[in-house]
C-alpha cells in the first residue's frame, strides 16, 4: 500500500476538463477530474475505449490544451506557455504510446533517435565514444544490440523491437514520470511480459512514476499501487489496487470486473453468458 505521507506529489490536477467542438456538436472528453500521482508509484487508469483516458494523457503531456481546470507538476502550477518551457517540462515527463509505428519520425535513423535523447539530457558535447557507450547500454537494457540497430530506420524493426527501443529512449532520458498508453497492446504475449518487466525494472532503478493507461483489469491489479477507474470522461472510483479490484464500489468497476473471462467458470458459448448451475457437475465430470 502506498505511504503517501513519505512520497512527493509529482503530478496532480483539479477540475481538469477537455471539451471538443461547440454547441450541439460539443463533446466532453474529460469531465472535471481530480487526481494525485506520487513519486515512485505505479498508477493505472482503467476504462473502455472512448472513456477519455488517452485525451487525459495528451493533456498531461501538454500535447492537447486544457479547456478548464489546472494541472500541477512537482507541486507547482504547470507552465508550458512557451516552446522552451515545454521542452523543460518534457525532460521530466515522457510517454510510450500503443502504436510503435506512429511513434517515430520515419526519416530519422535509430542513432538519431537515441542521440536526441542524450542531447536532451545535456550530453550534446560528450565525446562520441561516450555517446556510443550510453546508447549501447540503453539497448542492452532492453535486450537489443546497438551494433545491429545502428544505421537502421525504425520501420526496419519489428513491432516488439520498436517498443523496446521506446523503452531504451526512456532509459536514456530518465524522466520523473512515464505515461504508458497501452504500451503492450500490439505485441505478442511473450514480448508483452518482457516489456512490462523492463518498465518495472526501470521504475525500481530510477524511482520513476509510471502511469499506465489500460483496459486490462488484470494488468492493473498485478502492477499498480493505485488504480483510477474512468467512465465517460469521469473518475468514478480510485484507491489502492486491492481496494478497487477486490472491493469495488462503483457499478462501472463491477461491470468491468464481470467482463473479465474466468477460466474456472462454465460458459454457454452460444449465448456468451454463464451456463446454468445444473451444468457445473457436467463440466467438472
Protein backbone atom coordinates (compact mmCIF):
# COMPACT_ATOMS: atom_id res chain seq x y z
CA UNK A 1 0.00 0.00 0.00
CA UNK A 2 1.27 3.47 -0.87
CA UNK A 3 2.52 5.54 2.05
CA UNK A 4 1.60 8.94 0.66
CA UNK A 5 2.96 10.71 3.71
CA UNK A 6 6.53 9.86 2.72
CA UNK A 7 6.22 10.43 -1.04
CA UNK A 8 6.36 13.58 -3.10
CA UNK A 9 3.32 14.67 -5.08
CA UNK A 10 4.70 14.80 -8.62
CA UNK A 11 1.62 15.35 -10.80
CA UNK A 12 -1.88 16.42 -9.83
CA UNK A 13 -4.95 18.05 -11.26
CA UNK A 14 -8.01 19.95 -10.07
CA UNK A 15 -11.16 20.08 -12.20
CA UNK A 16 -9.29 19.10 -15.38
CA UNK A 17 -11.67 19.23 -18.34
CA UNK A 18 -11.39 18.88 -22.11
CA UNK A 19 -14.22 19.86 -24.45
CA UNK A 20 -14.10 19.36 -28.22
CA UNK A 21 -16.42 21.29 -30.52
CA UNK A 22 -19.14 23.83 -29.78
CA UNK A 23 -22.87 23.99 -29.25
CA UNK A 24 -24.81 20.89 -30.29
CA UNK A 25 -21.59 19.29 -31.55
CA UNK A 26 -19.79 19.70 -28.24
CA UNK A 27 -18.14 16.59 -26.79
CA UNK A 28 -16.85 16.50 -23.20
CA UNK A 29 -13.94 14.04 -23.44
CA UNK A 30 -12.61 14.62 -19.90
CA UNK A 31 -15.07 15.93 -17.36
CA UNK A 32 -13.85 17.81 -14.27
CA UNK A 33 -11.40 15.19 -12.95
CA UNK A 34 -9.17 15.46 -9.88
CA UNK A 35 -6.11 13.28 -9.35
CA UNK A 36 -2.92 12.96 -7.30
CA UNK A 37 0.06 10.93 -8.53
CA UNK A 38 3.00 10.33 -6.18
CA UNK A 39 6.69 9.85 -6.98
CA UNK A 40 7.75 6.25 -7.46
CA UNK A 41 4.20 4.90 -7.65
CA UNK A 42 2.72 2.89 -10.47
CA UNK A 43 -0.77 4.15 -11.28
CA UNK A 44 -3.24 2.55 -13.68
CA UNK A 45 -6.06 4.47 -15.32
CA UNK A 46 -8.59 1.85 -16.45
CA UNK A 47 -11.56 2.25 -18.75
CA UNK A 48 -13.11 1.16 -22.01
CA UNK A 49 -12.26 2.72 -25.37
CA UNK A 50 -13.73 6.21 -25.56
CA UNK A 51 -13.68 6.77 -21.80
CA UNK A 52 -11.27 9.71 -22.08
CA UNK A 53 -8.03 8.00 -20.99
CA UNK A 54 -5.89 8.94 -23.98
CA UNK A 55 -7.21 12.50 -24.07
CA UNK A 56 -6.21 12.91 -20.42
CA UNK A 57 -2.72 11.58 -21.17
CA UNK A 58 -2.31 14.05 -24.03
CA UNK A 59 -3.29 16.89 -21.69
CA UNK A 60 -0.79 15.68 -19.09
CA UNK A 61 1.90 15.67 -21.78
CA UNK A 62 0.96 19.12 -22.99
CA UNK A 63 0.03 17.84 -26.47
CA UNK A 64 -3.64 18.80 -26.03
CA UNK A 65 -4.80 22.03 -24.39
CA UNK A 66 -6.84 22.04 -21.18
CA UNK A 67 -10.30 23.58 -21.55
CA UNK A 68 -10.76 24.11 -17.82
CA UNK A 69 -9.02 23.25 -14.55
CA UNK A 70 -5.37 23.22 -13.50
CA UNK A 71 -2.51 20.73 -13.72
CA UNK A 72 0.31 20.88 -11.18
CA UNK A 73 3.82 19.47 -11.74
CA UNK A 74 6.16 18.85 -8.81
CA UNK A 75 3.93 20.91 -6.54
CA UNK A 76 3.74 23.98 -8.80
CA UNK A 77 1.16 25.11 -11.33
CA UNK A 78 2.33 23.84 -14.70
CA UNK A 79 3.63 26.48 -17.11
CA UNK A 80 4.22 25.30 -20.68
CA UNK A 81 3.32 28.58 -22.36
CA UNK A 82 6.48 28.78 -24.50
CA UNK A 83 8.41 26.24 -26.56
CA UNK A 84 11.37 26.47 -24.17
CA UNK A 85 9.19 25.83 -21.11
CA UNK A 86 7.53 22.89 -22.86
CA UNK A 87 10.93 21.33 -23.64
CA UNK A 88 11.95 21.72 -20.00
CA UNK A 89 8.71 20.03 -18.96
CA UNK A 90 9.33 17.14 -21.36
CA UNK A 91 12.68 16.46 -19.72
CA UNK A 92 10.69 15.34 -16.70
CA UNK A 93 7.69 13.66 -18.35
CA UNK A 94 7.72 11.27 -21.32
CA UNK A 95 5.37 8.77 -22.95
CA UNK A 96 5.20 5.40 -24.66
CA UNK A 97 2.20 5.02 -26.97
CA UNK A 98 0.39 1.86 -28.01
CA UNK A 99 1.25 2.13 -31.71
CA UNK A 100 5.05 1.99 -32.09
CA UNK A 101 4.79 2.50 -35.87
CA UNK A 102 3.43 6.03 -35.45
CA UNK A 103 5.82 6.99 -32.64
CA UNK A 104 8.88 7.64 -34.79
CA UNK A 105 9.94 10.03 -37.50
CA UNK A 106 10.34 7.68 -40.47
CA UNK A 107 13.19 9.83 -41.81
CA UNK A 108 15.30 9.58 -38.60
CA UNK A 109 17.65 6.66 -38.12
CA UNK A 110 17.83 4.86 -34.80
CA UNK A 111 21.16 6.51 -33.98
CA UNK A 112 19.49 9.92 -34.31
CA UNK A 113 16.54 8.85 -32.15
CA UNK A 114 18.88 7.84 -29.31
CA UNK A 115 21.30 10.76 -29.77
CA UNK A 116 18.38 13.20 -29.46
CA UNK A 117 17.70 11.71 -26.01
CA UNK A 118 21.31 12.18 -24.93
CA UNK A 119 21.29 15.77 -26.22
CA UNK A 120 18.00 16.48 -24.45
CA UNK A 121 19.65 15.44 -21.16
CA UNK A 122 22.50 17.91 -21.73
CA UNK A 123 25.00 15.49 -23.27
CA UNK A 124 25.43 17.22 -26.61
CA UNK A 125 29.16 17.91 -26.00
CA UNK A 126 30.04 14.47 -24.69
CA UNK A 127 32.71 12.58 -26.67
CA UNK A 128 31.40 10.35 -29.45
CA UNK A 129 32.79 7.27 -27.69
CA UNK A 130 30.83 8.11 -24.53
CA UNK A 131 27.63 8.60 -26.51
CA UNK A 132 28.04 5.22 -28.21
CA UNK A 133 28.61 3.58 -24.81
CA UNK A 134 25.42 5.21 -23.49
CA UNK A 135 23.39 4.09 -26.49
CA UNK A 136 24.81 0.57 -26.25
CA UNK A 137 23.91 0.41 -22.55
CA UNK A 138 20.36 1.60 -23.26
CA UNK A 139 19.89 -1.01 -26.00
CA UNK A 140 21.37 -3.73 -23.80
CA UNK A 141 18.87 -2.85 -21.06
CA UNK A 142 16.02 -3.80 -23.41
CA UNK A 143 17.81 -6.85 -24.86
CA UNK A 144 18.76 -5.20 -28.14
CA UNK A 145 22.25 -5.00 -29.65
CA UNK A 146 23.23 -1.48 -30.65
CA UNK A 147 25.60 -2.84 -33.32
CA UNK A 148 22.57 -4.44 -35.00
CA UNK A 149 20.44 -1.29 -34.64
CA UNK A 150 22.88 1.35 -35.86
CA UNK A 151 22.28 2.95 -39.25
CA UNK A 152 18.79 1.41 -39.49
CA UNK A 153 15.43 3.14 -39.70
CA UNK A 154 12.71 2.30 -37.13
CA UNK A 155 10.45 0.81 -39.82
CA UNK A 156 13.11 -1.87 -40.41
CA UNK A 157 12.41 -3.26 -36.93
CA UNK A 158 9.59 -5.48 -35.70
CA UNK A 159 6.81 -4.06 -33.52
CA UNK A 160 8.34 -5.62 -30.42
CA UNK A 161 11.78 -4.19 -31.24
CA UNK A 162 10.27 -0.75 -31.78
CA UNK A 163 8.56 -0.87 -28.39
CA UNK A 164 11.84 -1.94 -26.76
CA UNK A 165 13.57 0.96 -28.49
CA UNK A 166 10.96 3.29 -26.95
CA UNK A 167 11.96 1.97 -23.53
CA UNK A 168 15.64 2.45 -24.44
CA UNK A 169 14.78 6.11 -25.04
CA UNK A 170 13.25 6.30 -21.58
CA UNK A 171 16.40 4.67 -20.13
CA UNK A 172 18.47 7.49 -21.63
CA UNK A 173 16.06 10.31 -20.75
CA UNK A 174 15.36 9.08 -17.19
CA UNK A 175 12.21 11.19 -16.75
CA UNK A 176 10.49 11.63 -13.41
CA UNK A 177 7.18 10.47 -14.92
CA UNK A 178 6.39 7.99 -17.68
CA UNK A 179 2.95 7.87 -19.31
CA UNK A 180 2.41 4.44 -20.89
CA UNK A 181 -0.67 4.33 -23.11
CA UNK A 182 -1.47 0.64 -23.75
CA UNK A 183 2.25 0.02 -24.44
CA UNK A 184 1.88 -3.74 -24.93
CA UNK A 185 -1.42 -3.97 -26.80
CA UNK A 186 0.06 -4.51 -30.28
CA UNK A 187 2.69 -7.14 -29.48
CA UNK A 188 2.67 -10.85 -28.71
CA UNK A 189 2.19 -12.25 -25.20
CA UNK A 190 5.85 -13.21 -24.73
CA UNK A 191 7.14 -9.74 -25.66
CA UNK A 192 4.36 -8.18 -23.57
CA UNK A 193 5.59 -9.81 -20.37
CA UNK A 194 9.19 -8.88 -21.16
CA UNK A 195 8.36 -5.22 -21.78
CA UNK A 196 6.32 -5.00 -18.57
CA UNK A 197 9.27 -6.44 -16.64
CA UNK A 198 11.59 -3.87 -18.26
CA UNK A 199 9.32 -0.98 -17.27
CA UNK A 200 9.05 -2.22 -13.68
CA UNK A 201 12.82 -2.69 -13.50
CA UNK A 202 13.35 0.85 -14.79
CA UNK A 203 10.87 2.16 -12.23
CA UNK A 204 12.79 0.43 -9.44
CA UNK A 205 16.20 1.61 -10.69
CA UNK A 206 15.49 5.33 -11.05
CA UNK A 207 12.38 5.82 -8.87
CA UNK A 208 10.27 6.83 -11.83
CA UNK A 209 6.49 7.27 -11.57
CA UNK A 210 4.64 5.20 -14.17
CA UNK A 211 1.08 5.93 -15.24
CA UNK A 212 -0.43 3.04 -17.20
CA UNK A 213 -3.40 3.63 -19.48
CA UNK A 214 -5.18 0.31 -19.95
CA UNK A 215 -8.47 -1.53 -20.29
CA UNK A 216 -6.93 -4.64 -18.69
CA UNK A 217 -8.14 -5.06 -15.09
CA UNK A 218 -5.79 -7.99 -14.54
CA UNK A 219 -2.75 -5.92 -15.53
CA UNK A 220 -3.92 -3.03 -13.36
CA UNK A 221 -4.23 -5.30 -10.32
CA UNK A 222 -0.90 -7.02 -10.97
CA UNK A 223 1.31 -3.93 -11.37
CA UNK A 224 -0.43 -0.99 -9.67
CA UNK A 225 -0.09 0.81 -6.38
CA UNK A 226 -3.12 2.96 -7.22
CA UNK A 227 -5.97 2.43 -9.68
CA UNK A 228 -8.30 5.05 -11.18
CA UNK A 229 -11.45 3.87 -12.99
CA UNK A 230 -12.60 6.16 -15.80
CA UNK A 231 -16.08 6.16 -17.36
CA UNK A 232 -17.33 8.71 -19.91
CA UNK A 233 -14.65 11.23 -19.01
CA UNK A 234 -15.04 10.97 -15.22
CA UNK A 235 -13.17 9.11 -12.49
CA UNK A 236 -15.87 7.01 -10.87
CA UNK A 237 -13.58 5.28 -8.36
CA UNK A 238 -9.96 5.27 -7.21
CA UNK A 239 -7.85 3.76 -4.46
CA UNK A 240 -5.25 1.06 -3.93
CA UNK A 241 -5.36 -1.92 -6.28
CA UNK A 242 -6.81 -4.09 -3.51
CA UNK A 243 -9.49 -1.53 -2.64
CA UNK A 244 -10.66 -1.03 -6.22
CA UNK A 245 -10.24 -4.52 -7.70
CA UNK A 246 -11.10 -6.71 -4.71
CA UNK A 247 -13.71 -4.42 -3.13
CA UNK A 248 -15.22 -2.36 -5.95
CA UNK A 249 -17.90 0.18 -5.10
CA UNK A 250 -18.79 1.76 -8.44
CA UNK A 251 -21.23 -0.10 -10.68
CA UNK A 252 -18.95 0.52 -13.69
CA UNK A 253 -15.97 -1.08 -11.91
CA UNK A 254 -18.09 -4.14 -11.11
CA UNK A 255 -19.14 -4.31 -14.76
CA UNK A 256 -15.51 -4.21 -15.93
CA UNK A 257 -14.61 -6.98 -13.50
CA UNK A 258 -17.56 -9.11 -14.61
CA UNK A 259 -16.36 -8.78 -18.21
CA UNK A 260 -13.01 -10.37 -17.37
CA UNK A 261 -13.07 -14.03 -18.56
CA UNK A 262 -12.72 -16.53 -15.71
CA UNK A 263 -11.19 -19.85 -16.67
CA UNK A 264 -12.89 -21.80 -13.88
CA UNK A 265 -16.42 -20.59 -14.76
CA UNK A 266 -18.54 -22.74 -17.15
CA UNK A 267 -19.92 -20.81 -20.11
CA UNK A 268 -22.73 -21.30 -22.56
CA UNK A 269 -20.84 -20.17 -25.64
CA UNK A 270 -23.85 -19.98 -27.94
CA UNK A 271 -25.25 -17.10 -25.90
CA UNK A 272 -21.97 -15.78 -24.48
CA UNK A 273 -23.09 -15.98 -20.86
CA UNK A 274 -22.69 -18.14 -17.77
CA UNK A 275 -24.26 -21.57 -18.12
CA UNK A 276 -26.98 -22.55 -15.61
CA UNK A 277 -25.88 -24.02 -12.27
CA UNK A 278 -27.01 -27.52 -13.27
CA UNK A 279 -24.20 -27.70 -15.87
CA UNK A 280 -21.41 -27.39 -13.30
CA UNK A 281 -21.33 -31.07 -12.39
CA UNK A 282 -21.38 -31.96 -16.07
CA UNK A 283 -18.47 -29.63 -16.91
CA UNK A 284 -16.42 -30.93 -13.98
CA UNK A 285 -17.05 -34.59 -14.90
